[in-house]
Amino acid sequence: MDDASRSSPISFAGGLAAGDEGFTAAEQGSQIGSAAGSLQGEGILSGGAEGGSSCDADFGFQRPEVGKEDLVGTVQFYERHLFLCYKTPHVWPSHVEAAEFDRLPRLLSAALAARKGEMKKRTRLTICEGEDGTESSNGDVLIFPDMIRYRRLTHFDVEYFVEEVLVKNSQWLPGAVETLTGSFVFVCSHGSRDRRCGVCGPVLIRKFKEEINSRGLHSQVSVSPCSHIGGHKYAGNVIVFSSSTNGEVTGHWYGYVTPDDVPLLLEQHISKGEIINHLWRGQMGLREEDQRKAQDLRLQMNVETEEFNPNLPNQETGTDITNGISTEAESCCQGIAASSCCQNGAFNEKPDSHSVNLEEQKNPKVLPEQRNKDRKPSSSNRKMSTLPTWFESWERADTYAALAVATAIASVAVAYSCYQHLR
């Protein structure tokens, strides 16, 4: 059974989500992203919901529930995200995808519901801001993680568009496909759907734009308001589509985002591909249980990184978690007998076990740090591997003993020479 606080990406299947009571039966089959936590019937638009400290205390970033709940796993599994650019949040009705007078979003939502069984990918539809004469005009469709844009979809084209692009995974020939570059940030600002989104969303939009402009990132990062994405109580809700360190594009959801967190999202997530754990709700393409496992692994890695001591031997990081993707970066020599040693990435040769054993036998008090240091491979060690093992195992104590013997012999020789002269 669906958790009332989770998003519902595939809600055109029909039926009301918890918290959406009050909808008419005609609306049930075309809801997008219905979720609990909605304050239905408030009808407040984003433009009038920002002022006043009492408003912020009840619906803004200072409201009591902010930061109190675990966010991980509140994004249901889906694989493709469509954003239809259509008008602005100030004129969106509570359910823009179901409004009779907004034909384009209504018909696109209905077509997705009718063909969902034929689509190979679980698909989510969200409305984002569109304005003619801007980068995102009315009717433009953005598709993630494909990173493509189709221009100027009209209600006449909806059926053919869904057939070709979403069912057949082909191209919609009437509209030339454009490749998207950079990072895309969507902030839920659907004030007519929930007052908390109406209060928090516009403030975050302004803060994002200020930070983007001050950092000179306007050509690399795009930010837009979007319609309801589920989990009103987690407002500000933010979705970020960007490339990870391995070049893979995916969508990451964040909740309880405040203006103070915006620089962190730009610097840590978008610039470095690092997840902000305490704000992370989940990731497109990961099931809920996998989202929790991914965060647990990241948290474990963070603890290990903090405890890392460069003065101790054999401390190397293990699995690298970037954007929720596990990348094998394990060091070797971790107790696996069949594995080869590649400390410091120099080369993949095992140390000479014979010379190591001789060293330990001759000098059993050698410290582990020194022993590890002596075993560390280098180019000079590699060149010396052709020398006899007696030379490799030569110790400083042996050198001192040889010098003592040589000095004794020399002393005897000098004494004997003096004796001969005295006679």
Protein backbone atom coordinates (compact mmCIF):
# COMPACT_ATOMS: atom_id res chain seq x y z
CA MET A 1 0.00 0.00 0.00
CA ASP A 2 1.31 3.41 -0.92
CA ASP A 3 2.74 5.53 1.81
CA ALA A 4 0.75 8.71 2.04
CA SER A 5 3.89 10.81 2.11
CA ARG A 6 5.43 9.38 -1.05
CA SER A 7 5.20 10.72 -4.55
CA SER A 8 3.08 8.88 -7.06
CA PRO A 9 4.74 9.10 -10.47
CA ILE A 10 2.30 6.91 -12.39
CA SER A 11 -1.05 8.15 -11.26
CA PHE A 12 -2.86 8.24 -14.57
CA ALA A 13 -3.86 4.64 -13.83
CA GLY A 14 -6.89 6.00 -12.04
CA GLY A 15 -8.00 6.18 -8.44
CA LEU A 16 -7.39 8.82 -5.82
CA ALA A 17 -4.27 8.97 -3.76
CA ALA A 18 -4.61 9.45 -0.05
CA GLY A 19 -5.21 13.07 0.77
CA ASP A 20 -6.84 13.81 -2.60
CA GLU A 21 -10.40 13.33 -1.48
CA GLY A 22 -12.75 15.90 -2.92
CA PHE A 23 -11.80 15.32 -6.55
CA THR A 24 -14.60 14.52 -8.92
CA ALA A 25 -14.82 11.07 -10.48
CA ALA A 26 -14.02 12.56 -13.86
CA GLU A 27 -10.65 13.73 -12.54
CA GLN A 28 -9.50 10.41 -11.15
CA GLY A 29 -7.98 8.99 -14.31
CA SER A 30 -5.76 11.94 -15.11
CA GLN A 31 -4.07 12.95 -11.91
CA ILE A 32 -0.32 13.43 -12.09
CA GLY A 33 1.80 13.01 -9.01
CA SER A 34 -1.07 12.88 -6.53
CA ALA A 35 0.13 12.39 -2.99
CA ALA A 36 -0.91 12.87 0.55
CA GLY A 37 -0.05 15.89 2.58
CA SER A 38 -2.00 18.13 0.22
CA LEU A 39 -3.92 21.00 1.70
CA GLN A 40 -6.76 20.77 -0.75
CA GLY A 41 -9.24 23.55 -1.09
CA GLU A 42 -6.89 26.28 0.11
CA GLY A 43 -6.59 27.60 -3.41
CA ILE A 44 -3.88 30.05 -2.52
CA LEU A 45 -1.61 31.10 -5.36
CA SER A 46 2.12 31.45 -5.01
CA GLY A 47 2.11 35.16 -5.59
CA GLY A 48 0.19 35.95 -2.45
CA ALA A 49 1.68 33.40 -0.13
CA GLU A 50 5.14 34.75 0.53
CA GLY A 51 4.75 37.65 2.87
CA GLY A 52 4.58 37.72 6.62
CA SER A 53 6.44 35.90 9.32
CA SER A 54 3.34 34.02 10.47
CA CYS A 55 2.93 32.66 6.94
CA ASP A 56 6.51 31.44 6.95
CA ALA A 57 6.09 29.87 10.36
CA ASP A 58 3.03 27.92 9.22
CA PHE A 59 3.80 27.20 5.57
CA GLY A 60 7.39 28.30 4.90
CA PHE A 61 10.85 27.15 5.86
CA GLN A 62 10.27 27.68 9.60
CA ARG A 63 7.27 25.38 9.90
CA PRO A 64 7.61 22.77 12.66
CA GLU A 65 7.90 19.63 10.51
CA VAL A 66 10.88 20.80 8.42
CA GLY A 67 13.75 18.37 8.81
CA LYS A 68 11.86 16.11 11.20
CA GLU A 69 11.14 13.13 8.94
CA ASP A 70 13.34 10.69 7.04
CA LEU A 71 13.18 11.59 3.35
CA VAL A 72 14.81 8.54 1.79
CA GLY A 73 12.43 6.24 -0.09
CA THR A 74 9.69 8.84 -0.65
CA VAL A 75 10.13 8.68 -4.44
CA GLN A 76 8.37 5.80 -6.13
CA PHE A 77 10.14 3.95 -8.91
CA TYR A 78 9.94 5.45 -12.41
CA GLU A 79 12.30 5.54 -15.39
CA ARG A 80 11.41 8.49 -17.59
CA HIS A 81 10.30 12.02 -16.76
CA LEU A 82 8.41 14.28 -19.15
CA PHE A 83 8.11 18.00 -18.46
CA LEU A 84 5.49 19.84 -20.50
CA CYS A 85 6.22 23.57 -20.66
CA TYR A 86 2.88 25.27 -20.17
CA LYS A 87 2.06 28.75 -18.83
CA THR A 88 3.09 29.85 -15.31
CA PRO A 89 2.38 28.73 -11.73
CA HIS A 90 0.28 31.83 -11.11
CA VAL A 91 -2.41 30.61 -13.54
CA TRP A 92 -2.15 26.85 -12.99
CA PRO A 93 -5.32 25.44 -11.45
CA SER A 94 -5.04 22.91 -8.65
CA HIS A 95 -5.01 20.08 -11.21
CA VAL A 96 -3.72 21.68 -14.37
CA GLU A 97 -3.54 18.31 -16.14
CA ALA A 98 -7.27 17.78 -15.61
CA ALA A 99 -8.65 21.26 -16.36
CA GLU A 100 -11.12 21.32 -19.23
CA PHE A 101 -9.87 24.65 -20.53
CA ASP A 102 -6.21 23.52 -20.58
CA ARG A 103 -6.46 21.06 -23.43
CA LEU A 104 -2.80 20.31 -24.05
CA PRO A 105 -1.85 19.02 -20.57
CA ARG A 106 -5.22 17.30 -20.20
CA LEU A 107 -4.93 15.44 -23.51
CA LEU A 108 -1.29 14.51 -22.95
CA SER A 109 -2.12 13.12 -19.51
CA ALA A 110 -5.05 11.13 -20.91
CA ALA A 111 -2.92 9.72 -23.74
CA LEU A 112 -0.25 8.60 -21.29
CA ALA A 113 -2.88 6.89 -19.16
CA ALA A 114 -4.36 5.13 -22.18
CA ARG A 115 -0.99 3.86 -23.49
CA LYS A 116 0.84 3.22 -20.23
CA GLY A 117 0.57 -0.55 -20.65
CA GLU A 118 2.38 -0.32 -24.00
CA MET A 119 5.26 1.86 -22.83
CA LYS A 120 8.45 0.01 -21.92
CA LYS A 121 9.45 2.63 -19.36
CA ARG A 122 7.47 3.80 -16.36
CA THR A 123 6.83 7.41 -17.19
CA ARG A 124 5.99 10.48 -15.13
CA LEU A 125 4.47 13.73 -16.41
CA THR A 126 5.01 17.10 -14.73
CA ILE A 127 4.11 20.61 -15.87
CA CYS A 128 6.84 23.25 -15.86
CA GLU A 129 6.79 26.92 -16.69
CA GLY A 130 6.51 27.82 -20.35
CA GLU A 131 6.35 31.20 -21.98
CA ASP A 132 6.48 32.05 -25.65
CA GLY A 133 9.59 33.94 -26.66
CA THR A 134 11.72 32.32 -23.95
CA GLU A 135 13.99 29.29 -23.90
CA SER A 136 11.04 27.13 -22.85
CA SER A 137 8.01 28.01 -24.94
CA ASN A 138 4.48 26.74 -24.45
CA GLY A 139 4.20 23.23 -25.83
CA ASP A 140 7.87 22.31 -25.49
CA VAL A 141 8.47 18.83 -24.03
CA LEU A 142 11.64 17.99 -22.09
CA ILE A 143 12.47 14.30 -21.63
CA PHE A 144 14.86 13.00 -18.98
CA PRO A 145 17.19 11.16 -18.66
CA ASP A 146 17.27 11.23 -22.49
CA MET A 147 18.23 14.94 -22.31
CA ILE A 148 16.15 15.89 -25.35
CA ARG A 149 13.58 18.54 -26.17
CA TYR A 150 10.74 18.57 -28.68
CA ARG A 151 9.42 21.98 -29.66
CA ARG A 152 5.87 23.24 -29.88
CA LEU A 153 3.68 20.23 -29.22
CA THR A 154 0.00 21.06 -29.77
CA HIS A 155 -3.13 19.22 -28.70
CA PHE A 156 -3.54 18.02 -32.31
CA ASP A 157 -0.18 16.17 -32.09
CA VAL A 158 -0.55 14.45 -28.74
CA GLU A 159 -1.63 10.97 -29.90
CA TYR A 160 1.03 10.72 -32.59
CA PHE A 161 3.71 12.07 -30.24
CA VAL A 162 2.95 9.50 -27.56
CA GLU A 163 2.84 6.72 -30.14
CA GLU A 164 6.16 7.52 -31.77
CA VAL A 165 8.27 8.81 -28.89
CA LEU A 166 6.98 7.04 -25.79
CA VAL A 167 5.56 3.76 -27.10
CA LYS A 168 7.86 3.05 -30.06
CA ASN A 169 10.86 4.90 -28.58
CA SER A 170 11.34 6.55 -31.96
CA GLN A 171 11.27 10.21 -33.02
CA TRP A 172 8.42 12.59 -33.53
CA LEU A 173 9.20 13.68 -37.08
CA PRO A 174 7.14 16.90 -37.16
CA GLY A 175 9.33 18.29 -34.37
CA ALA A 176 13.10 18.28 -34.67
CA VAL A 177 14.64 16.82 -31.55
CA GLU A 178 17.14 18.99 -29.68
CA THR A 179 19.85 17.74 -27.34
CA LEU A 180 19.87 19.31 -23.90
CA THR A 181 23.13 20.16 -22.17
CA GLY A 182 23.99 21.24 -18.66
CA SER A 183 21.97 20.72 -15.50
CA PHE A 184 18.24 21.27 -14.96
CA VAL A 185 16.64 22.17 -11.66
CA PHE A 186 12.87 22.01 -11.10
CA VAL A 187 11.28 23.48 -7.98
CA CYS A 188 7.70 22.67 -7.01
CA SER A 189 5.91 26.02 -6.90
CA HIS A 190 2.33 24.82 -7.36
CA GLY A 191 0.71 27.21 -4.90
CA SER A 192 -2.86 26.45 -5.95
CA ARG A 193 -2.25 22.79 -5.09
CA ASP A 194 -0.61 23.32 -1.72
CA ARG A 195 0.21 26.48 0.20
CA ARG A 196 3.59 25.21 1.41
CA CYS A 197 4.80 24.80 -2.18
CA GLY A 198 3.39 28.23 -2.99
CA VAL A 199 5.37 29.82 -0.18
CA CYS A 200 8.67 27.96 -0.50
CA GLY A 201 8.90 27.44 -4.27
CA PRO A 202 9.15 31.06 -5.50
CA VAL A 203 11.70 31.91 -2.81
CA LEU A 204 13.90 29.00 -3.87
CA ILE A 205 13.54 29.95 -7.53
CA ARG A 206 14.80 33.47 -6.81
CA LYS A 207 17.68 32.17 -4.70
CA PHE A 208 18.73 29.70 -7.40
CA LYS A 209 18.72 32.42 -10.03
CA GLU A 210 20.73 34.77 -7.82
CA GLU A 211 23.37 32.13 -7.11
CA ILE A 212 23.50 30.98 -10.73
CA ASN A 213 24.03 34.53 -11.98
CA SER A 214 26.60 35.40 -9.32
CA ARG A 215 28.62 32.28 -10.21
CA GLY A 216 28.34 32.77 -13.95
CA LEU A 217 26.46 29.49 -14.40
CA HIS A 218 23.52 30.80 -16.43
CA SER A 219 24.68 28.86 -19.51
CA GLN A 220 25.21 25.65 -17.50
CA VAL A 221 22.29 25.47 -15.06
CA SER A 222 18.62 26.03 -15.83
CA VAL A 223 16.01 26.45 -13.08
CA SER A 224 12.23 26.36 -13.54
CA PRO A 225 9.12 26.16 -11.35
CA CYS A 226 7.08 23.00 -11.78
CA SER A 227 3.73 21.56 -10.74
CA HIS A 228 3.00 19.16 -7.91
CA ILE A 229 5.53 16.31 -7.61
CA GLY A 230 4.24 14.67 -4.44
CA GLY A 231 5.05 15.01 -0.76
CA HIS A 232 3.78 18.52 -0.01
CA LYS A 233 5.03 18.34 3.56
CA TYR A 234 8.59 18.07 2.26
CA ALA A 235 8.45 21.51 0.58
CA GLY A 236 10.71 22.93 -0.71
CA ASN A 237 10.83 20.09 -3.13
CA VAL A 238 13.57 20.16 -5.77
CA ILE A 239 14.49 17.78 -8.60
CA VAL A 240 17.96 18.01 -10.14
CA PHE A 241 18.87 16.42 -13.47
CA SER A 242 22.62 16.45 -14.09
CA SER A 243 25.48 14.22 -15.16
CA SER A 244 27.32 12.12 -12.61
CA THR A 245 31.08 11.70 -12.65
CA ASN A 246 30.68 8.73 -15.02
CA GLY A 247 28.57 10.78 -17.45
CA GLU A 248 25.23 9.19 -16.59
CA VAL A 249 22.24 11.53 -16.33
CA THR A 250 19.60 10.85 -13.70
CA GLY A 251 17.14 12.75 -11.56
CA HIS A 252 17.65 13.27 -7.84
CA TRP A 253 14.89 14.50 -5.56
CA TYR A 254 15.49 16.72 -2.55
CA GLY A 255 13.11 17.83 0.18
CA TYR A 256 13.10 20.35 3.01
CA VAL A 257 15.36 22.52 0.84
CA THR A 258 15.82 26.06 2.19
CA PRO A 259 17.52 29.07 0.58
CA ASP A 260 20.62 28.32 2.67
CA ASP A 261 20.87 24.93 0.94
CA VAL A 262 20.92 26.35 -2.59
CA PRO A 263 24.69 27.07 -2.67
CA LEU A 264 25.28 23.53 -1.38
CA LEU A 265 23.21 22.03 -4.20
CA LEU A 266 25.16 24.02 -6.78
CA GLU A 267 28.59 23.38 -5.31
CA GLN A 268 28.24 19.80 -4.11
CA HIS A 269 25.62 18.10 -6.29
CA ILE A 270 25.81 19.92 -9.62
CA SER A 271 29.52 20.79 -9.64
CA LYS A 272 30.92 17.65 -7.98
CA GLY A 273 28.17 15.05 -8.44
CA GLU A 274 27.97 14.42 -4.69
CA ILE A 275 24.68 13.68 -2.95
CA ILE A 276 23.50 15.83 -0.03
CA ASN A 277 22.36 13.04 2.25
CA HIS A 278 20.22 14.90 4.76
CA LEU A 279 18.05 16.44 1.99
CA TRP A 280 17.94 13.47 -0.41
CA ARG A 281 14.51 11.95 -1.09
CA GLY A 282 15.50 9.44 -3.75
CA GLN A 283 16.54 8.93 -7.33
CA MET A 284 14.80 8.26 -10.61
CA GLY A 285 15.44 4.67 -11.71
CA LEU A 286 16.03 3.33 -8.19
CA ARG A 287 13.43 1.40 -6.27
CA GLU A 288 12.64 2.53 -2.76
CA GLU A 289 14.63 -0.20 -1.02
CA ASP A 290 17.61 0.49 -3.29
CA GLN A 291 17.43 4.18 -2.45
CA ARG A 292 17.81 3.34 1.22
CA LYS A 293 20.69 0.97 0.52
CA ALA A 294 22.43 3.60 -1.59
CA GLN A 295 22.20 6.19 1.17
CA ASP A 296 23.33 3.72 3.84
CA LEU A 297 26.38 2.95 1.74
CA ARG A 298 27.12 6.64 1.24
CA LEU A 299 26.81 7.31 4.95
CA GLN A 300 29.12 4.40 5.68
CA MET A 301 31.65 5.75 3.20
CA ASN A 302 31.44 9.18 4.81
CA VAL A 303 32.21 7.69 8.22
CA GLU A 304 35.15 5.74 6.82
CA THR A 305 36.47 8.87 5.12
CA GLU A 306 36.27 10.86 8.35
CA GLU A 307 38.08 8.10 10.22
CA PHE A 308 40.77 7.78 7.55
CA ASN A 309 44.26 8.15 9.00
CA PRO A 310 47.02 8.60 6.39
CA ASN A 311 49.64 7.46 8.92
CA LEU A 312 48.17 3.95 9.11
CA PRO A 313 48.96 1.33 6.46
CA ASN A 314 46.50 -0.26 4.08
CA GLN A 315 43.77 2.37 4.55
CA GLU A 316 42.15 2.94 1.21
CA THR A 317 38.64 3.85 0.22
CA GLY A 318 36.33 1.16 -1.08
CA THR A 319 33.16 1.64 -3.11
CA ASP A 320 32.66 5.11 -4.55
CA ILE A 321 29.06 6.32 -4.39
CA THR A 322 28.34 9.11 -6.82
CA ASN A 323 24.79 10.14 -7.60
CA GLY A 324 23.50 6.97 -5.98
CA ILE A 325 25.47 4.76 -8.38
CA SER A 326 27.87 2.24 -6.91
CA THR A 327 31.22 2.26 -8.72
CA GLU A 328 33.74 -0.43 -7.80
CA ALA A 329 36.91 1.27 -6.64
CA GLU A 330 37.99 -1.32 -4.10
CA SER A 331 41.61 -1.65 -3.20
CA CYS A 332 43.19 -5.04 -3.53
CA CYS A 333 44.93 -6.96 -0.73
CA GLN A 334 41.68 -7.17 1.26
CA GLY A 335 41.99 -10.75 2.43
CA ILE A 336 41.18 -12.33 -0.93
CA ALA A 337 43.81 -14.92 -1.61
CA ALA A 338 43.31 -14.91 -5.36
CA SER A 339 43.54 -11.16 -5.75
CA SER A 340 46.68 -9.38 -6.79
CA CYS A 341 48.07 -6.44 -4.87
CA CYS A 342 47.90 -3.02 -6.49
CA GLN A 343 48.65 -0.68 -3.60
CA ASN A 344 48.81 2.94 -4.67
CA GLY A 345 47.95 1.82 -8.19
CA ALA A 346 51.63 1.35 -9.10
CA PHE A 347 51.41 -2.10 -10.67
CA ASN A 348 49.70 -5.43 -10.10
CA GLU A 349 52.58 -7.60 -8.94
CA LYS A 350 52.63 -9.50 -5.65
CA PRO A 351 55.53 -8.82 -3.28
CA ASP A 352 58.25 -11.45 -3.06
CA SER A 353 57.00 -13.67 -0.22
CA HIS A 354 60.44 -15.22 0.21
CA SER A 355 62.13 -11.91 0.92
CA VAL A 356 59.30 -10.85 3.24
CA ASN A 357 59.64 -14.02 5.29
CA LEU A 358 63.41 -13.62 5.58
CA GLU A 359 62.97 -10.07 6.77
CA GLU A 360 60.53 -11.09 9.48
CA GLN A 361 62.76 -13.94 10.64
CA LYS A 362 65.87 -11.79 10.87
CA ASN A 363 64.21 -8.80 12.48
CA PRO A 364 61.03 -9.92 14.26
CA LYS A 365 60.69 -6.55 16.01
CA VAL A 366 60.19 -4.64 12.80
CA LEU A 367 57.10 -2.47 13.08
CA PRO A 368 54.05 -3.12 10.89
CA GLU A 369 54.36 0.40 9.48
CA GLN A 370 57.95 -0.24 8.44
CA ARG A 371 57.10 -3.67 7.08
CA ASN A 372 54.28 -2.20 4.96
CA LYS A 373 56.57 0.57 3.77
CA ASP A 374 59.24 -1.93 2.77
CA ARG A 375 56.67 -3.91 0.81
CA LYS A 376 55.35 -0.93 -1.08
CA PRO A 377 56.03 -1.47 -4.79
CA SER A 378 57.91 1.12 -6.79
CA SER A 379 59.85 1.32 -10.00
CA SER A 380 63.15 0.81 -8.13
CA ASN A 381 61.84 -2.34 -6.44
CA ARG A 382 60.80 -3.68 -9.77
CA LYS A 383 64.29 -3.22 -11.21
CA MET A 384 65.87 -4.93 -8.20
CA SER A 385 63.74 -8.04 -8.59
CA THR A 386 66.44 -9.71 -10.74
CA LEU A 387 69.08 -9.53 -7.96
CA PRO A 388 69.82 -12.53 -5.71
CA THR A 389 67.58 -12.98 -2.73
CA TRP A 390 70.53 -12.79 -0.31
CA PHE A 391 71.09 -9.20 -1.42
CA GLU A 392 67.39 -8.33 -1.14
CA SER A 393 67.28 -9.66 2.43
CA TRP A 394 70.46 -7.82 3.56
CA GLU A 395 69.75 -5.88 6.75
CA ARG A 396 71.41 -2.84 8.35
CA ALA A 397 72.56 -5.03 11.22
CA ASP A 398 74.40 -7.23 8.74
CA THR A 399 76.18 -4.17 7.38
CA TYR A 400 77.32 -3.13 10.87
CA ALA A 401 78.62 -6.66 11.56
CA ALA A 402 80.59 -6.73 8.31
CA LEU A 403 82.13 -3.34 9.09
CA ALA A 404 83.12 -4.54 12.58
CA VAL A 405 84.84 -7.62 11.15
CA ALA A 406 86.66 -5.53 8.54
CA THR A 407 87.80 -3.06 11.20
CA ALA A 408 89.08 -5.88 13.42
CA ILE A 409 91.03 -7.41 10.56
CA ALA A 410 92.56 -4.03 9.73
CA SER A 411 93.55 -3.48 13.36
CA VAL A 412 95.25 -6.88 13.54
CA ALA A 413 97.13 -6.13 10.32
CA VAL A 414 98.37 -2.75 11.60
CA ALA A 415 99.45 -4.26 14.94
CA TYR A 416 101.34 -7.06 13.22
CA SER A 417 103.08 -4.55 10.95
CA CYS A 418 104.22 -2.48 13.93
CA TYR A 419 105.46 -5.64 15.67
CA GLN A 420 107.59 -6.56 12.68
CA HIS A 421 109.21 -3.08 12.58
CA LEU A 422 110.06 -3.17 16.29
CA ARG A 423 111.93 -6.45 15.83
